[in-house]
Amino acid sequence: MKKLFLKIIALTFGFQLGAQSFDFTEPVVLGYFPSWSESWAATGQNSKLREIPAHVNFVFLAFAKPDLTYVKGSYDISTTGIEVPYDGCALKESVSALKDRGVNVILSIGGETFWNSSTIYNDIDYQQIKDLVDDMGFIGIDWDFEPNGSFGNIGNAANVQHFIDFFTNSRALMPKNEGYVLACA
């Protein structure tokens, strides 16, 4: 798993995802999984994503485009930026297989390369992001915001406002009381 970047985060509090409650008496082991490193998977077949080590309990699947397009129920991920070598039905199966093992998958949006235009902020369709999250079985989203591929200006007023907008608009459609997780990197 060379390409699985692990972060170990020890939390001393708990939170709830839908009906599932988490008391963090053990460390949270969270990793980014780059979708472009995934191996081919067919129905019932293993892949790099599906074989994430048992000690990992949260995975950020990297990366979807902030201005992704997705039609609910289509399972067509070709315009989302997710670069797995299979279709949305196989991705849904992979997410479900991980969930069955106690691994929660969060869709990571952005990354270094997808924040490449000043107009991208106007092209984010939060409903389509939610539809993708729901169809694939992700527990939420991670806003991996690296404006213009850098953290150099992350704290300027415009970028702080973008972060506020991301969370305000996402939370309006993906409420905490329905179990959606929102994160940022």
N, C-alpha and C. Protein backbone atom coordinates (compact mmCIF):
# COMPACT_ATOMS: atom_id res chain seq x y z
N MET A 1 0.82 -1.19 0.00
CA MET A 1 0.00 0.00 0.00
C MET A 1 0.86 1.25 0.00
N LYS A 2 1.84 1.31 -0.86
CA LYS A 2 2.75 2.44 -0.90
C LYS A 2 2.03 3.76 -1.10
N LYS A 3 0.94 3.74 -1.85
CA LYS A 3 0.30 4.99 -2.21
C LYS A 3 -0.81 5.37 -1.24
N LEU A 4 -1.01 4.61 -0.22
CA LEU A 4 -1.99 4.95 0.79
C LEU A 4 -1.29 5.79 1.85
N PHE A 5 -1.65 7.03 1.90
CA PHE A 5 -1.03 7.95 2.84
C PHE A 5 -1.83 7.89 4.13
N LEU A 6 -1.18 7.51 5.18
CA LEU A 6 -1.89 7.34 6.45
C LEU A 6 -1.64 8.52 7.37
N LYS A 7 -2.68 8.90 8.01
CA LYS A 7 -2.58 9.86 9.09
C LYS A 7 -3.19 9.20 10.31
N ILE A 8 -2.53 9.26 11.39
CA ILE A 8 -3.10 8.72 12.62
C ILE A 8 -3.54 9.89 13.48
N ILE A 9 -4.79 9.86 13.80
CA ILE A 9 -5.38 10.94 14.57
C ILE A 9 -6.00 10.32 15.82
N ALA A 10 -5.49 10.67 16.96
CA ALA A 10 -6.08 10.17 18.21
C ALA A 10 -7.10 11.20 18.68
N LEU A 11 -8.35 10.77 18.79
CA LEU A 11 -9.41 11.67 19.22
C LEU A 11 -9.91 11.21 20.58
N THR A 12 -10.23 12.14 21.41
CA THR A 12 -10.70 11.80 22.75
C THR A 12 -12.19 12.05 22.91
N PHE A 13 -12.87 12.27 21.81
CA PHE A 13 -14.31 12.50 21.85
C PHE A 13 -14.97 11.57 20.86
N GLY A 14 -16.29 11.55 20.85
CA GLY A 14 -17.02 10.71 19.92
C GLY A 14 -17.93 11.54 19.05
N PHE A 15 -18.43 10.93 17.98
CA PHE A 15 -19.45 11.56 17.17
C PHE A 15 -20.31 10.48 16.56
N GLN A 16 -21.40 10.87 15.93
CA GLN A 16 -22.34 9.92 15.41
C GLN A 16 -22.50 10.10 13.92
N LEU A 17 -22.51 8.99 13.18
CA LEU A 17 -22.79 8.98 11.75
C LEU A 17 -24.11 8.27 11.57
N GLY A 18 -25.16 9.03 11.31
CA GLY A 18 -26.47 8.42 11.18
C GLY A 18 -26.78 7.65 12.45
N ALA A 19 -27.08 6.38 12.30
CA ALA A 19 -27.39 5.55 13.46
C ALA A 19 -26.13 4.98 14.10
N GLN A 20 -24.98 5.16 13.45
CA GLN A 20 -23.73 4.60 13.96
C GLN A 20 -23.01 5.63 14.81
N SER A 21 -22.70 5.28 16.04
CA SER A 21 -22.02 6.17 16.96
C SER A 21 -20.57 5.74 17.09
N PHE A 22 -19.68 6.72 17.20
CA PHE A 22 -18.27 6.44 17.34
C PHE A 22 -17.75 7.00 18.65
N ASP A 23 -17.26 6.14 19.50
CA ASP A 23 -16.52 6.56 20.69
C ASP A 23 -15.07 6.23 20.41
N PHE A 24 -14.25 7.23 20.37
CA PHE A 24 -12.88 7.03 19.97
C PHE A 24 -12.00 6.72 21.17
N THR A 25 -12.07 5.48 21.60
CA THR A 25 -11.17 5.02 22.65
C THR A 25 -9.88 4.50 22.01
N GLU A 26 -9.96 4.18 20.73
CA GLU A 26 -8.81 3.77 19.94
C GLU A 26 -8.51 4.88 18.94
N PRO A 27 -7.29 4.97 18.47
CA PRO A 27 -6.98 6.00 17.47
C PRO A 27 -7.78 5.82 16.19
N VAL A 28 -8.08 6.93 15.56
CA VAL A 28 -8.67 6.92 14.23
C VAL A 28 -7.50 6.83 13.27
N VAL A 29 -7.57 5.89 12.36
CA VAL A 29 -6.53 5.78 11.33
C VAL A 29 -7.19 6.12 10.01
N LEU A 30 -6.77 7.24 9.48
CA LEU A 30 -7.39 7.80 8.29
C LEU A 30 -6.33 7.89 7.20
N GLY A 31 -6.70 7.51 5.99
CA GLY A 31 -5.77 7.60 4.88
C GLY A 31 -6.42 8.19 3.65
N TYR A 32 -5.61 8.86 2.86
CA TYR A 32 -6.04 9.29 1.53
C TYR A 32 -5.74 8.14 0.58
N PHE A 33 -6.69 7.77 -0.24
CA PHE A 33 -6.46 6.77 -1.27
C PHE A 33 -6.59 7.45 -2.62
N PRO A 34 -5.48 7.56 -3.37
CA PRO A 34 -5.54 8.20 -4.69
C PRO A 34 -6.26 7.29 -5.69
N SER A 35 -7.39 7.75 -6.19
CA SER A 35 -8.21 6.91 -7.07
C SER A 35 -7.45 6.44 -8.29
N TRP A 36 -6.47 7.22 -8.75
CA TRP A 36 -5.70 6.85 -9.94
C TRP A 36 -4.76 5.68 -9.69
N SER A 37 -4.57 5.29 -8.44
CA SER A 37 -3.69 4.15 -8.15
C SER A 37 -4.47 2.85 -8.00
N GLU A 38 -5.77 2.91 -8.16
CA GLU A 38 -6.62 1.74 -7.99
C GLU A 38 -6.37 0.71 -9.09
N SER A 39 -6.48 -0.56 -8.73
CA SER A 39 -6.38 -1.65 -9.70
C SER A 39 -7.79 -2.00 -10.19
N TRP A 40 -7.83 -2.73 -11.26
CA TRP A 40 -9.12 -3.11 -11.84
C TRP A 40 -9.89 -3.97 -10.86
N ALA A 41 -11.19 -3.80 -10.82
CA ALA A 41 -12.04 -4.63 -9.97
C ALA A 41 -13.31 -4.97 -10.73
N ALA A 42 -13.74 -6.18 -10.60
CA ALA A 42 -15.00 -6.62 -11.17
C ALA A 42 -15.86 -7.10 -10.01
N THR A 43 -17.10 -7.41 -10.29
CA THR A 43 -18.02 -7.85 -9.25
C THR A 43 -17.40 -8.97 -8.42
N GLY A 44 -17.36 -8.74 -7.13
CA GLY A 44 -16.86 -9.73 -6.19
C GLY A 44 -15.35 -9.91 -6.18
N GLN A 45 -14.63 -9.11 -6.93
CA GLN A 45 -13.18 -9.23 -7.03
C GLN A 45 -12.50 -8.19 -6.14
N ASN A 46 -11.35 -8.52 -5.57
CA ASN A 46 -10.61 -7.57 -4.75
C ASN A 46 -9.85 -6.58 -5.61
N SER A 47 -9.43 -5.49 -4.98
CA SER A 47 -8.64 -4.44 -5.62
C SER A 47 -7.81 -3.77 -4.54
N LYS A 48 -6.95 -2.85 -4.92
CA LYS A 48 -6.15 -2.12 -3.92
C LYS A 48 -7.05 -1.40 -2.92
N LEU A 49 -8.08 -0.75 -3.41
CA LEU A 49 -8.99 -0.02 -2.53
C LEU A 49 -9.69 -0.98 -1.57
N ARG A 50 -10.19 -2.06 -2.08
CA ARG A 50 -10.92 -3.01 -1.25
C ARG A 50 -10.02 -3.73 -0.25
N GLU A 51 -8.72 -3.71 -0.48
CA GLU A 51 -7.78 -4.40 0.39
C GLU A 51 -7.04 -3.45 1.34
N ILE A 52 -7.63 -2.33 1.63
CA ILE A 52 -7.04 -1.41 2.60
C ILE A 52 -6.84 -2.17 3.91
N PRO A 53 -5.70 -1.97 4.56
CA PRO A 53 -5.42 -2.71 5.80
C PRO A 53 -6.52 -2.57 6.84
N ALA A 54 -6.71 -3.61 7.61
CA ALA A 54 -7.79 -3.67 8.60
C ALA A 54 -7.70 -2.58 9.66
N HIS A 55 -6.51 -2.06 9.95
CA HIS A 55 -6.39 -1.06 11.01
C HIS A 55 -6.83 0.34 10.54
N VAL A 56 -7.05 0.52 9.25
CA VAL A 56 -7.54 1.80 8.74
C VAL A 56 -9.06 1.82 8.88
N ASN A 57 -9.60 2.87 9.51
CA ASN A 57 -11.05 2.90 9.70
C ASN A 57 -11.75 4.05 8.98
N PHE A 58 -10.99 4.95 8.39
CA PHE A 58 -11.55 6.02 7.55
C PHE A 58 -10.65 6.22 6.35
N VAL A 59 -11.26 6.37 5.18
CA VAL A 59 -10.51 6.61 3.95
C VAL A 59 -11.10 7.81 3.22
N PHE A 60 -10.22 8.74 2.83
CA PHE A 60 -10.60 9.82 1.92
C PHE A 60 -10.27 9.34 0.52
N LEU A 61 -11.29 9.14 -0.32
CA LEU A 61 -11.06 8.76 -1.71
C LEU A 61 -10.77 10.03 -2.50
N ALA A 62 -9.56 10.12 -3.05
CA ALA A 62 -9.09 11.32 -3.71
C ALA A 62 -9.05 11.11 -5.23
N PHE A 63 -9.39 12.04 -5.98
CA PHE A 63 -10.08 13.29 -5.74
C PHE A 63 -11.22 13.42 -6.74
N ALA A 64 -12.28 14.07 -6.35
CA ALA A 64 -13.33 14.48 -7.28
C ALA A 64 -13.10 15.95 -7.63
N LYS A 65 -13.58 16.34 -8.79
CA LYS A 65 -13.48 17.74 -9.21
C LYS A 65 -14.53 18.57 -8.47
N PRO A 66 -14.18 19.77 -8.02
CA PRO A 66 -15.18 20.62 -7.38
C PRO A 66 -16.36 20.92 -8.31
N ASP A 67 -16.08 21.02 -9.60
CA ASP A 67 -17.14 21.31 -10.58
C ASP A 67 -17.59 20.04 -11.30
N LEU A 68 -17.57 18.93 -10.57
CA LEU A 68 -17.99 17.66 -11.16
C LEU A 68 -19.41 17.76 -11.68
N THR A 69 -19.73 16.88 -12.62
CA THR A 69 -21.11 16.73 -13.06
C THR A 69 -21.50 15.27 -12.82
N TYR A 70 -22.70 15.09 -12.28
CA TYR A 70 -23.18 13.76 -11.97
C TYR A 70 -24.70 13.78 -11.97
N VAL A 71 -25.29 12.75 -12.58
CA VAL A 71 -26.74 12.61 -12.61
C VAL A 71 -27.13 11.50 -11.64
N LYS A 72 -27.96 11.84 -10.67
CA LYS A 72 -28.39 10.89 -9.65
C LYS A 72 -28.94 9.62 -10.29
N GLY A 73 -28.46 8.49 -9.79
CA GLY A 73 -28.92 7.20 -10.26
C GLY A 73 -28.25 6.69 -11.52
N SER A 74 -27.38 7.50 -12.12
CA SER A 74 -26.74 7.09 -13.38
C SER A 74 -25.53 6.19 -13.15
N TYR A 75 -24.85 6.37 -12.04
CA TYR A 75 -23.60 5.66 -11.71
C TYR A 75 -22.51 5.91 -12.76
N ASP A 76 -22.66 7.00 -13.50
CA ASP A 76 -21.67 7.42 -14.49
C ASP A 76 -20.72 8.40 -13.82
N ILE A 77 -19.52 7.94 -13.51
CA ILE A 77 -18.54 8.78 -12.80
C ILE A 77 -17.51 9.38 -13.75
N SER A 78 -17.75 9.30 -15.04
CA SER A 78 -16.75 9.73 -16.02
C SER A 78 -16.48 11.23 -16.01
N THR A 79 -17.38 12.04 -15.46
CA THR A 79 -17.16 13.48 -15.42
C THR A 79 -17.02 14.01 -14.00
N THR A 80 -16.63 13.13 -13.08
CA THR A 80 -16.50 13.52 -11.68
C THR A 80 -15.06 13.80 -11.26
N GLY A 81 -14.10 13.35 -12.05
CA GLY A 81 -12.70 13.48 -11.67
C GLY A 81 -12.17 12.25 -10.93
N ILE A 82 -13.06 11.39 -10.45
CA ILE A 82 -12.64 10.15 -9.80
C ILE A 82 -12.02 9.26 -10.88
N GLU A 83 -10.81 8.76 -10.61
CA GLU A 83 -10.05 8.08 -11.66
C GLU A 83 -9.87 6.58 -11.44
N VAL A 84 -10.86 5.93 -10.84
CA VAL A 84 -10.78 4.48 -10.73
C VAL A 84 -10.98 3.87 -12.12
N PRO A 85 -10.39 2.69 -12.38
CA PRO A 85 -10.47 2.10 -13.71
C PRO A 85 -11.73 1.27 -13.95
N TYR A 86 -12.79 1.64 -13.28
CA TYR A 86 -14.05 0.91 -13.45
C TYR A 86 -15.20 1.89 -13.31
N ASP A 87 -16.42 1.41 -13.47
CA ASP A 87 -17.58 2.28 -13.47
C ASP A 87 -18.11 2.54 -12.05
N GLY A 88 -19.15 3.35 -11.99
CA GLY A 88 -19.72 3.73 -10.71
C GLY A 88 -20.34 2.57 -9.95
N CYS A 89 -20.88 1.59 -10.66
CA CYS A 89 -21.45 0.43 -9.96
C CYS A 89 -20.37 -0.34 -9.22
N ALA A 90 -19.21 -0.50 -9.85
CA ALA A 90 -18.09 -1.18 -9.18
C ALA A 90 -17.55 -0.33 -8.03
N LEU A 91 -17.54 1.00 -8.20
CA LEU A 91 -17.10 1.87 -7.10
C LEU A 91 -18.05 1.75 -5.92
N LYS A 92 -19.35 1.74 -6.19
CA LYS A 92 -20.34 1.57 -5.12
C LYS A 92 -20.11 0.24 -4.39
N GLU A 93 -19.81 -0.81 -5.15
CA GLU A 93 -19.53 -2.11 -4.54
C GLU A 93 -18.28 -2.05 -3.67
N SER A 94 -17.25 -1.33 -4.14
CA SER A 94 -16.02 -1.19 -3.36
C SER A 94 -16.27 -0.46 -2.05
N VAL A 95 -17.03 0.63 -2.12
CA VAL A 95 -17.36 1.41 -0.92
C VAL A 95 -18.17 0.54 0.04
N SER A 96 -19.11 -0.22 -0.48
CA SER A 96 -19.93 -1.10 0.35
C SER A 96 -19.09 -2.20 1.00
N ALA A 97 -18.14 -2.77 0.23
CA ALA A 97 -17.26 -3.81 0.79
C ALA A 97 -16.42 -3.25 1.93
N LEU A 98 -15.94 -2.02 1.77
CA LEU A 98 -15.17 -1.38 2.85
C LEU A 98 -16.06 -1.12 4.06
N LYS A 99 -17.26 -0.61 3.82
CA LYS A 99 -18.19 -0.33 4.91
C LYS A 99 -18.49 -1.61 5.70
N ASP A 100 -18.63 -2.73 4.99
CA ASP A 100 -18.89 -4.01 5.65
C ASP A 100 -17.74 -4.42 6.57
N ARG A 101 -16.53 -3.91 6.29
CA ARG A 101 -15.35 -4.20 7.12
C ARG A 101 -15.13 -3.13 8.19
N GLY A 102 -16.02 -2.15 8.28
CA GLY A 102 -15.88 -1.09 9.27
C GLY A 102 -15.05 0.08 8.81
N VAL A 103 -14.81 0.18 7.50
CA VAL A 103 -14.04 1.30 6.94
C VAL A 103 -15.02 2.28 6.32
N ASN A 104 -15.01 3.51 6.80
CA ASN A 104 -15.89 4.56 6.30
C ASN A 104 -15.18 5.35 5.21
N VAL A 105 -15.85 5.55 4.08
CA VAL A 105 -15.23 6.22 2.94
C VAL A 105 -15.84 7.60 2.76
N ILE A 106 -14.96 8.59 2.67
CA ILE A 106 -15.33 9.99 2.50
C ILE A 106 -14.77 10.44 1.15
N LEU A 107 -15.58 11.12 0.35
CA LEU A 107 -15.13 11.61 -0.95
C LEU A 107 -14.34 12.89 -0.75
N SER A 108 -13.10 12.90 -1.20
CA SER A 108 -12.26 14.09 -1.12
C SER A 108 -12.39 14.88 -2.42
N ILE A 109 -12.68 16.16 -2.26
CA ILE A 109 -12.93 17.03 -3.42
C ILE A 109 -11.83 18.06 -3.54
N GLY A 110 -11.25 18.14 -4.72
CA GLY A 110 -10.26 19.18 -5.00
C GLY A 110 -8.86 18.67 -5.17
N GLY A 111 -8.07 18.77 -4.10
CA GLY A 111 -6.67 18.41 -4.19
C GLY A 111 -5.87 19.51 -4.87
N GLU A 112 -4.66 19.20 -5.19
CA GLU A 112 -3.76 20.20 -5.77
C GLU A 112 -4.14 20.61 -7.19
N THR A 113 -4.62 19.68 -7.99
CA THR A 113 -4.79 19.97 -9.42
C THR A 113 -6.17 20.46 -9.84
N PHE A 114 -7.20 20.23 -9.05
CA PHE A 114 -8.54 20.59 -9.52
C PHE A 114 -8.98 22.01 -9.16
N TRP A 115 -8.19 22.77 -8.43
CA TRP A 115 -8.53 24.16 -8.13
C TRP A 115 -7.77 25.07 -9.09
N ASN A 116 -7.96 24.88 -10.37
CA ASN A 116 -7.12 25.50 -11.38
C ASN A 116 -7.74 26.69 -12.09
N SER A 117 -8.85 27.20 -11.61
CA SER A 117 -9.52 28.30 -12.29
C SER A 117 -10.24 29.17 -11.27
N SER A 118 -10.22 30.46 -11.51
CA SER A 118 -10.94 31.36 -10.59
C SER A 118 -12.45 31.26 -10.78
N THR A 119 -12.90 30.67 -11.86
CA THR A 119 -14.35 30.54 -12.09
C THR A 119 -14.91 29.24 -11.52
N ILE A 120 -14.04 28.36 -11.06
CA ILE A 120 -14.49 27.05 -10.58
C ILE A 120 -15.48 27.18 -9.42
N TYR A 121 -15.32 28.21 -8.61
CA TYR A 121 -16.18 28.38 -7.44
C TYR A 121 -17.64 28.61 -7.84
N ASN A 122 -17.86 29.21 -8.98
CA ASN A 122 -19.22 29.45 -9.49
C ASN A 122 -19.81 28.21 -10.13
N ASP A 123 -18.98 27.22 -10.42
CA ASP A 123 -19.43 26.03 -11.14
C ASP A 123 -19.66 24.83 -10.23
N ILE A 124 -19.55 25.01 -8.93
CA ILE A 124 -19.79 23.91 -8.00
C ILE A 124 -21.29 23.68 -7.87
N ASP A 125 -21.72 22.45 -8.14
CA ASP A 125 -23.12 22.08 -8.00
C ASP A 125 -23.23 21.16 -6.79
N TYR A 126 -23.60 21.73 -5.68
CA TYR A 126 -23.63 20.99 -4.41
C TYR A 126 -24.64 19.85 -4.43
N GLN A 127 -25.73 20.01 -5.15
CA GLN A 127 -26.72 18.94 -5.25
C GLN A 127 -26.14 17.74 -5.98
N GLN A 128 -25.38 17.98 -7.05
CA GLN A 128 -24.77 16.87 -7.77
C GLN A 128 -23.71 16.17 -6.91
N ILE A 129 -23.00 16.93 -6.10
CA ILE A 129 -22.04 16.31 -5.17
C ILE A 129 -22.78 15.42 -4.18
N LYS A 130 -23.86 15.92 -3.62
CA LYS A 130 -24.66 15.12 -2.67
C LYS A 130 -25.20 13.86 -3.36
N ASP A 131 -25.69 14.01 -4.58
CA ASP A 131 -26.22 12.85 -5.30
C ASP A 131 -25.15 11.78 -5.49
N LEU A 132 -23.93 12.20 -5.82
CA LEU A 132 -22.81 11.26 -5.97
C LEU A 132 -22.50 10.59 -4.63
N VAL A 133 -22.44 11.37 -3.57
CA VAL A 133 -22.18 10.84 -2.23
C VAL A 133 -23.22 9.77 -1.88
N ASP A 134 -24.49 10.10 -2.09
CA ASP A 134 -25.56 9.17 -1.74
C ASP A 134 -25.52 7.90 -2.60
N ASP A 135 -25.35 8.07 -3.91
CA ASP A 135 -25.36 6.90 -4.79
C ASP A 135 -24.19 5.96 -4.52
N MET A 136 -23.01 6.49 -4.22
CA MET A 136 -21.83 5.65 -4.02
C MET A 136 -21.73 5.11 -2.60
N GLY A 137 -22.46 5.71 -1.66
CA GLY A 137 -22.42 5.24 -0.28
C GLY A 137 -21.33 5.89 0.56
N PHE A 138 -20.78 7.02 0.08
CA PHE A 138 -19.80 7.75 0.90
C PHE A 138 -20.52 8.30 2.12
N ILE A 139 -19.78 8.49 3.23
CA ILE A 139 -20.42 9.04 4.43
C ILE A 139 -20.36 10.56 4.46
N GLY A 140 -19.67 11.15 3.50
CA GLY A 140 -19.58 12.60 3.44
C GLY A 140 -18.49 13.04 2.50
N ILE A 141 -18.06 14.29 2.68
CA ILE A 141 -17.05 14.87 1.80
C ILE A 141 -15.95 15.56 2.58
N ASP A 142 -14.80 15.62 1.95
CA ASP A 142 -13.63 16.33 2.46
C ASP A 142 -13.29 17.41 1.44
N TRP A 143 -13.33 18.66 1.85
CA TRP A 143 -12.93 19.76 0.97
C TRP A 143 -11.42 19.91 1.06
N ASP A 144 -10.71 19.36 0.09
CA ASP A 144 -9.25 19.47 0.04
C ASP A 144 -8.93 20.69 -0.82
N PHE A 145 -8.93 21.83 -0.17
CA PHE A 145 -8.85 23.12 -0.85
C PHE A 145 -7.41 23.60 -0.92
N GLU A 146 -6.88 23.62 -2.14
CA GLU A 146 -5.53 24.11 -2.40
C GLU A 146 -5.63 25.09 -3.57
N PRO A 147 -6.03 26.33 -3.29
CA PRO A 147 -6.27 27.29 -4.37
C PRO A 147 -5.06 27.47 -5.27
N ASN A 148 -5.29 27.32 -6.56
CA ASN A 148 -4.23 27.41 -7.57
C ASN A 148 -3.09 26.44 -7.29
N GLY A 149 -3.42 25.29 -6.68
CA GLY A 149 -2.43 24.25 -6.43
C GLY A 149 -1.45 24.57 -5.33
N SER A 150 -1.83 25.43 -4.41
CA SER A 150 -0.89 25.87 -3.37
C SER A 150 -1.65 26.28 -2.12
N PHE A 151 -0.93 26.30 -1.01
CA PHE A 151 -1.50 26.83 0.23
C PHE A 151 -1.03 28.25 0.48
N GLY A 152 -0.32 28.83 -0.48
CA GLY A 152 0.29 30.15 -0.32
C GLY A 152 -0.69 31.25 0.06
N ASN A 153 -1.89 31.21 -0.49
CA ASN A 153 -2.87 32.27 -0.22
C ASN A 153 -4.12 31.73 0.46
N ILE A 154 -4.00 30.60 1.13
CA ILE A 154 -5.16 29.95 1.73
C ILE A 154 -5.86 30.84 2.75
N GLY A 155 -5.11 31.70 3.42
CA GLY A 155 -5.70 32.51 4.49
C GLY A 155 -6.19 33.88 4.06
N ASN A 156 -6.13 34.20 2.76
CA ASN A 156 -6.63 35.52 2.37
C ASN A 156 -8.16 35.55 2.45
N ALA A 157 -8.72 36.72 2.49
CA ALA A 157 -10.16 36.89 2.72
C ALA A 157 -11.01 36.13 1.71
N ALA A 158 -10.66 36.16 0.45
CA ALA A 158 -11.45 35.48 -0.58
C ALA A 158 -11.45 33.97 -0.35
N ASN A 159 -10.30 33.40 -0.02
CA ASN A 159 -10.22 31.96 0.19
C ASN A 159 -10.91 31.53 1.48
N VAL A 160 -10.83 32.34 2.51
CA VAL A 160 -11.58 32.05 3.74
C VAL A 160 -13.08 32.04 3.43
N GLN A 161 -13.53 32.99 2.62
CA GLN A 161 -14.95 33.02 2.24
C GLN A 161 -15.33 31.79 1.42
N HIS A 162 -14.42 31.31 0.55
CA HIS A 162 -14.70 30.09 -0.21
C HIS A 162 -14.92 28.92 0.74
N PHE A 163 -14.06 28.78 1.75
CA PHE A 163 -14.23 27.71 2.73
C PHE A 163 -15.58 27.83 3.43
N ILE A 164 -15.93 29.02 3.84
CA ILE A 164 -17.23 29.23 4.49
C ILE A 164 -18.36 28.81 3.56
N ASP A 165 -18.26 29.21 2.30
CA ASP A 165 -19.29 28.85 1.31
C ASP A 165 -19.36 27.33 1.11
N PHE A 166 -18.19 26.67 1.01
CA PHE A 166 -18.18 25.21 0.82
C PHE A 166 -18.97 24.53 1.93
N PHE A 167 -18.67 24.92 3.17
CA PHE A 167 -19.31 24.26 4.30
C PHE A 167 -20.76 24.66 4.47
N THR A 168 -21.08 25.92 4.27
CA THR A 168 -22.46 26.37 4.40
C THR A 168 -23.35 25.67 3.37
N ASN A 169 -22.91 25.67 2.13
CA ASN A 169 -23.71 25.06 1.06
C ASN A 169 -23.78 23.55 1.17
N SER A 170 -22.67 22.91 1.57
CA SER A 170 -22.66 21.46 1.73
C SER A 170 -23.54 21.03 2.89
N ARG A 171 -23.41 21.72 4.02
CA ARG A 171 -24.17 21.35 5.21
C ARG A 171 -25.67 21.54 5.00
N ALA A 172 -26.05 22.52 4.18
CA ALA A 172 -27.47 22.73 3.89
C ALA A 172 -28.09 21.49 3.24
N LEU A 173 -27.32 20.79 2.42
CA LEU A 173 -27.82 19.61 1.72
C LEU A 173 -27.45 18.30 2.41
N MET A 174 -26.40 18.34 3.22
CA MET A 174 -25.92 17.13 3.89
C MET A 174 -25.83 17.40 5.40
N PRO A 175 -26.99 17.43 6.06
CA PRO A 175 -27.00 17.82 7.48
C PRO A 175 -26.35 16.79 8.41
N LYS A 176 -25.78 17.31 9.45
CA LYS A 176 -25.10 16.49 10.46
C LYS A 176 -26.08 15.49 11.08
N ASN A 177 -27.32 15.93 11.34
CA ASN A 177 -28.29 15.05 11.99
C ASN A 177 -28.73 13.89 11.11
N GLU A 178 -28.34 13.91 9.82
CA GLU A 178 -28.60 12.78 8.92
C GLU A 178 -27.35 11.94 8.75
N GLY A 179 -26.30 12.28 9.50
CA GLY A 179 -25.10 11.45 9.53
C GLY A 179 -24.01 11.82 8.55
N TYR A 180 -24.17 12.90 7.80
CA TYR A 180 -23.13 13.29 6.85
C TYR A 180 -21.93 13.89 7.57
N VAL A 181 -20.76 13.52 7.11
CA VAL A 181 -19.50 14.05 7.63
C VAL A 181 -18.97 15.07 6.64
N LEU A 182 -18.58 16.23 7.14
CA LEU A 182 -17.87 17.24 6.34
C LEU A 182 -16.50 17.43 6.98
N ALA A 183 -15.48 17.42 6.14
CA ALA A 183 -14.11 17.58 6.63
C ALA A 183 -13.38 18.55 5.70
N CYS A 184 -12.20 18.97 6.13
CA CYS A 184 -11.38 19.81 5.27
C CYS A 184 -9.92 19.46 5.48
N ALA A 185 -9.14 19.67 4.43
CA ALA A 185 -7.71 19.41 4.53
C ALA A 185 -6.96 20.67 4.21
